[in-house]
Protein backbone atom coordinates (compact mmCIF):
# COMPACT_ATOMS: atom_id res chain seq x y z
CA MET A 1 76.57 65.13 132.03
CA LYS A 2 77.96 62.90 135.48
CA HIS A 3 74.30 61.36 135.68
CA ILE A 4 74.29 60.67 131.95
CA LYS A 5 78.14 58.90 132.38
CA ARG A 6 76.61 56.65 135.52
CA LEU A 7 73.54 55.90 133.80
CA LEU A 8 75.72 54.45 130.39
CA LEU A 9 77.88 52.73 132.97
CA THR A 10 75.09 51.34 135.16
CA ILE A 11 73.52 49.56 131.55
CA LEU A 12 76.85 48.76 130.53
CA VAL A 13 77.29 46.45 133.38
CA VAL A 14 74.00 45.77 134.20
CA PHE A 15 72.59 44.52 130.65
CA ILE A 16 75.45 45.06 127.81
CA LEU A 17 78.22 42.89 129.76
CA PRO A 18 76.16 39.92 131.01
CA THR A 19 74.85 40.01 127.19
CA LEU A 20 77.96 39.51 125.88
CA VAL A 21 79.32 36.76 128.04
CA SER A 22 76.03 34.82 127.19
CA ALA A 23 76.55 35.20 123.78
CA GLY A 24 80.56 34.09 124.00
CA LEU A 25 78.97 31.04 125.36
CA TRP A 26 76.36 30.37 123.48
CA VAL A 27 78.69 30.44 120.07
CA THR A 28 81.40 27.68 121.74
CA ARG A 29 78.19 25.04 121.92
CA ASP A 30 77.48 23.01 118.73
CA HIS A 31 73.95 24.35 117.35
CA PRO A 32 72.11 22.67 114.08
CA ALA A 33 72.86 24.54 111.09
CA ASN A 34 68.99 25.32 110.57
CA TRP A 35 65.45 24.01 111.74
CA ARG A 36 65.58 20.62 109.62
CA ASP A 37 68.52 19.25 111.15
CA ALA A 38 67.29 20.15 114.72
CA ASP A 39 66.07 17.96 117.22
CA TRP A 40 62.57 17.97 118.03
CA SER A 41 61.45 14.80 119.64
CA SER A 42 60.59 14.46 123.32
CA SER A 43 63.06 15.51 125.77
CA GLY A 44 62.10 12.83 128.37
CA LEU A 45 61.02 15.03 130.79
CA LEU A 46 57.46 14.04 131.22
CA LYS A 47 55.67 10.17 131.77
CA PRO A 48 53.39 8.64 128.94
CA ALA A 49 50.19 10.18 130.09
CA SER A 50 49.29 6.74 130.41
CA ASP A 51 51.35 6.44 133.19
CA ASP A 52 49.71 9.00 135.23
CA GLY A 53 46.01 9.54 136.02
CA ASP A 54 46.24 13.12 137.81
CA ALA A 55 45.38 16.10 135.87
CA ALA A 56 48.54 18.46 135.67
CA ILE A 57 49.97 21.68 133.96
CA TYR A 58 53.30 22.70 133.13
CA VAL A 59 55.35 25.44 131.65
CA PHE A 60 58.17 24.92 130.22
CA SER A 61 61.09 27.00 128.34
CA ALA A 62 63.90 26.45 125.84
CA ARG A 63 66.40 28.39 124.35
CA THR A 64 65.51 29.01 120.84
CA GLY A 65 67.71 28.58 117.57
CA GLY A 66 70.11 30.52 115.67
CA PHE A 67 72.22 33.23 117.33
CA LYS A 68 69.28 34.81 119.28
CA GLY A 69 69.52 31.86 121.33
CA SER A 70 72.42 33.45 122.88
CA VAL A 71 69.55 35.63 124.90
CA ALA A 72 66.22 34.16 124.07
CA SER A 73 64.25 31.74 124.54
CA HIS A 74 60.89 30.02 123.74
CA ALA A 75 57.92 28.91 125.86
CA TRP A 76 55.14 26.80 126.40
CA ILE A 77 51.92 25.50 128.20
CA VAL A 78 51.07 21.95 128.66
CA THR A 79 48.13 21.01 130.44
CA LYS A 80 46.43 17.37 131.10
CA ALA A 81 42.89 16.51 132.80
CA LYS A 82 42.33 13.49 134.80
CA GLY A 83 42.78 10.56 133.06
CA GLY A 84 43.84 12.46 129.82
CA ASP A 85 46.32 13.11 127.11
CA TYR A 86 48.72 16.03 126.82
CA VAL A 87 47.70 19.07 125.47
CA ARG A 88 50.41 21.43 124.61
CA TYR A 89 49.96 25.62 123.67
CA ASP A 90 52.05 27.34 121.98
CA LYS A 91 52.14 30.47 119.83
CA VAL A 92 54.45 30.76 116.81
CA GLY A 93 55.71 33.00 113.82
CA TRP A 94 54.61 29.91 111.67
CA GLY A 95 50.79 28.40 111.27
CA SER A 96 48.14 28.35 112.96
CA PRO A 97 47.55 31.20 115.62
CA ILE A 98 47.46 28.83 118.80
CA ARG A 99 48.93 25.80 118.26
CA ARG A 100 48.26 22.74 119.98
CA ASN A 101 50.44 19.41 119.95
CA HIS A 102 52.47 20.46 117.02
CA ARG A 103 54.97 18.71 119.36
CA PRO A 104 55.49 16.10 121.84
CA PRO A 105 54.91 17.89 124.88
CA ASP A 106 58.57 18.02 126.10
CA ALA A 107 60.35 18.15 123.38
CA PHE A 108 63.77 19.99 122.48
CA TRP A 109 63.55 23.06 121.05
CA TYR A 110 65.84 23.60 118.20
CA SER A 111 67.87 20.81 119.72
CA ASN A 112 67.88 22.80 123.41
CA THR A 113 66.70 20.93 126.39
CA PRO A 114 63.77 22.38 127.88
CA GLU A 115 63.24 23.69 131.44
CA GLN A 116 60.58 23.13 133.45
CA VAL A 117 59.27 26.43 134.56
CA VAL A 118 56.44 25.36 137.01
CA ALA A 119 54.03 21.98 137.60
CA VAL A 120 50.90 21.78 139.31
CA HIS A 121 49.19 18.32 139.97
CA GLY A 122 46.39 16.61 141.39
CA PRO A 123 42.97 18.55 142.66
CA ALA A 124 44.96 22.28 142.61
CA ALA A 125 45.79 21.27 138.24
CA GLU A 126 42.24 20.31 138.09
CA ARG A 127 40.87 23.09 139.49
CA LEU A 128 43.05 25.66 137.01
CA ILE A 129 42.88 23.81 133.91
CA PRO A 130 39.87 25.95 133.39
CA ALA A 131 41.22 29.18 134.24
CA VAL A 132 44.39 28.24 131.80
CA GLU A 133 42.24 27.13 128.46
CA LYS A 134 40.05 30.57 129.43
CA ALA A 135 43.50 32.40 129.28
CA ILE A 136 44.66 30.99 126.52
CA ALA A 137 40.90 31.54 124.24
CA ASP A 138 41.44 35.65 126.06
CA TYR A 139 44.92 36.22 124.64
CA PRO A 140 44.70 39.49 122.38
CA HIS A 141 46.86 38.27 119.42
CA SER A 142 45.74 34.96 118.73
CA SER A 143 45.17 35.68 115.81
CA ALA A 144 47.32 34.93 112.40
CA GLY A 145 49.77 37.20 111.77
CA ASP A 146 49.44 38.27 115.51
CA TYR A 147 52.71 37.76 115.94
CA ARG A 148 56.52 40.01 116.53
CA ILE A 149 59.51 38.17 117.19
CA TYR A 150 60.57 41.20 119.01
CA PRO A 151 59.88 43.07 121.02
CA GLY A 152 56.39 41.26 120.96
CA PRO A 153 53.71 40.18 121.37
CA ASN A 154 55.49 36.75 120.34
CA SER A 155 55.36 33.46 122.05
CA ASN A 156 56.74 34.20 125.29
CA THR A 157 54.10 37.20 125.51
CA PHE A 158 51.51 34.53 124.99
CA VAL A 159 52.61 32.18 127.96
CA ALA A 160 53.19 35.30 130.40
CA HIS A 161 49.77 36.60 129.50
CA VAL A 162 48.43 32.97 130.85
CA LEU A 163 51.04 33.32 134.14
CA ARG A 164 49.36 36.86 134.71
CA SER A 165 45.69 35.38 134.51
CA VAL A 166 46.37 32.61 136.49
CA PRO A 167 48.81 34.06 139.40
CA GLU A 168 47.50 30.76 141.24
CA LEU A 169 50.18 28.85 139.15
CA GLY A 170 53.04 30.79 141.14
CA ALA A 171 55.02 31.44 138.32
CA VAL A 172 56.72 34.18 135.77
CA LEU A 173 58.89 33.28 133.05
CA PRO A 174 62.88 33.11 133.24
CA PRO A 175 64.77 36.17 132.22
CA ASP A 176 65.97 35.19 129.36
CA ALA A 177 62.26 35.12 127.59
CA VAL A 178 62.56 37.52 125.58
CA GLY A 179 58.84 39.32 125.05
CA ARG A 180 57.64 38.14 128.19
CA ASP A 181 57.08 41.78 129.70
CA TYR A 182 55.02 42.91 126.47
CA ILE A 183 51.73 43.67 127.91
CA ALA A 184 49.50 41.42 126.07
CA ASP A 185 46.40 44.21 125.68
CA GLY A 186 48.91 47.13 125.16
CA ARG A 187 48.61 48.91 128.77
CA LEU A 188 51.21 50.26 130.19
CA LEU A 189 50.34 48.96 133.69
CA ALA A 190 49.83 45.70 134.11
CA ILE A 191 48.43 44.14 137.92
CA ASP A 192 48.08 40.17 138.33
CA SER A 193 44.43 39.06 139.51
CA ASP A 194 45.08 38.58 142.94
CA GLY A 195 47.02 42.03 143.55
CA ARG A 196 50.58 40.43 144.15
CA ASP A 197 52.82 41.74 141.19
CA VAL A 198 52.49 45.04 139.05
CA HIS A 199 54.24 45.01 136.01
CA VAL A 200 54.65 48.72 133.96
CA SER A 201 56.07 48.04 130.41
CA TYR A 202 56.60 50.33 127.33
CA GLN A 203 56.03 48.50 124.64
CA GLY A 204 58.06 45.39 126.02
CA LEU A 205 61.14 47.58 125.66
CA LEU A 206 61.35 50.10 128.72
CA GLY A 207 59.96 48.95 132.06
CA PHE A 208 60.04 47.07 135.22
CA ALA A 209 58.02 44.30 137.27
CA ALA A 210 57.87 44.32 141.24
CA GLY A 211 55.79 41.77 143.62
CA GLN A 212 55.82 38.04 145.43
CA ARG A 213 56.57 36.00 142.00
CA SER A 214 58.67 38.73 140.68
CA GLY A 215 60.66 40.04 142.71
CA LEU A 216 62.28 43.24 141.77
CA GLU A 217 62.83 43.41 137.69
CA VAL A 218 63.96 46.28 135.62
CA HIS A 219 63.47 45.77 131.73
CA PHE A 220 65.68 47.16 129.39
CA LEU A 221 64.69 46.42 125.28
CA GLY A 222 63.59 43.22 125.77
CA LEU A 223 66.62 42.51 128.36
CA VAL A 224 66.08 41.29 132.37
CA ALA A 225 67.91 41.74 135.04
CA GLY A 226 66.72 41.86 138.98
CA ILE A 227 66.60 40.30 142.15
CA ASP A 228 64.40 36.93 143.07
CA PHE A 229 63.70 37.10 146.91
CA SER A 230 60.89 33.77 146.94
CA ARG A 231 63.53 31.29 145.38
CA PRO A 232 66.76 34.00 146.25
CA ALA A 233 68.79 34.47 143.13
CA ILE A 234 69.99 36.99 140.69
CA LYS A 235 68.24 37.62 137.28
CA LEU A 236 70.93 38.67 134.59
CA PRO A 237 69.94 39.27 130.81
CA GLY A 238 70.96 36.22 128.89
CA ILE A 239 72.59 34.21 131.37
CA GLY A 240 69.45 33.83 133.24
CA SER A 241 68.69 33.52 136.99
CA LEU A 242 71.66 32.32 139.34
CA GLY A 243 70.77 31.02 142.58
CA LEU A 244 72.12 32.66 145.74
C-alpha cells in the first residue's frame, strides 16, 4: 500500500500538477472562437524562398486549438531544395492523407506562433532531403482515415517517425507534442537508425525514452516528463521544456 501511495503521489506531482498549471495559464489567454476565426497566415519566421538559394529542412511545432491546446501541439515538416520553393508536409485529421502546402510553411496554427524545433541548411540539408522524403513516403499511417487524435497515430506521430528515421536531423519533438511517443509501426520497442535513442511505448500511453537526443523521459497517458542533457532542460507535461 505504501508503494502504491508513493506511485500515485509521484504521478500527481510529476504529471498532473504541471498539466493543471498549463491548463490554468491557457484559459487566461485569448483564443479564436473556432478555426474559421483563427489566423493561419505566415508568421514571418521564414524569409521568402526566392531570397534564400540554399537547401533547407525545418520542423515546426505550435499549440493547437481549443482547450486541448493547453497540453498539446501540432508539428509539421518543411523542405526546400537548393534554389527551389518551400514544401510543407502535415498529417491532419481531415483532407488528404499527407497534406502538401495546405498552409504557408511558417503559418500560425490556430493563431498560435510556431516554434522552430530544428533547422538544417546548405549541403547538409541537400544530403538529408532525400532521406526525409523517403521517411515521409514510408510513413505507415499515410492513408485516408489513418488518424486518431489520441493517443495516436496523429500529426505528431508522423513527424516523430521522420525524426527517428533521419536521426541526423538531431531533434525530438517538444514534450507537449502528444502522440509523438506512439511508435508508428505498432512495435513496443524502437531504436533510432543510428542507435543513439531508444523508445519503449505501449500504444503511446505508457513508456519511456532514453538517449542522446531524448535525454531521459517517462511517458504517461501521452504526457512527457524528463530531463534533456544535451540542451540542459527539464521537460514538463503541458508546460514544455524549461531551460536550466
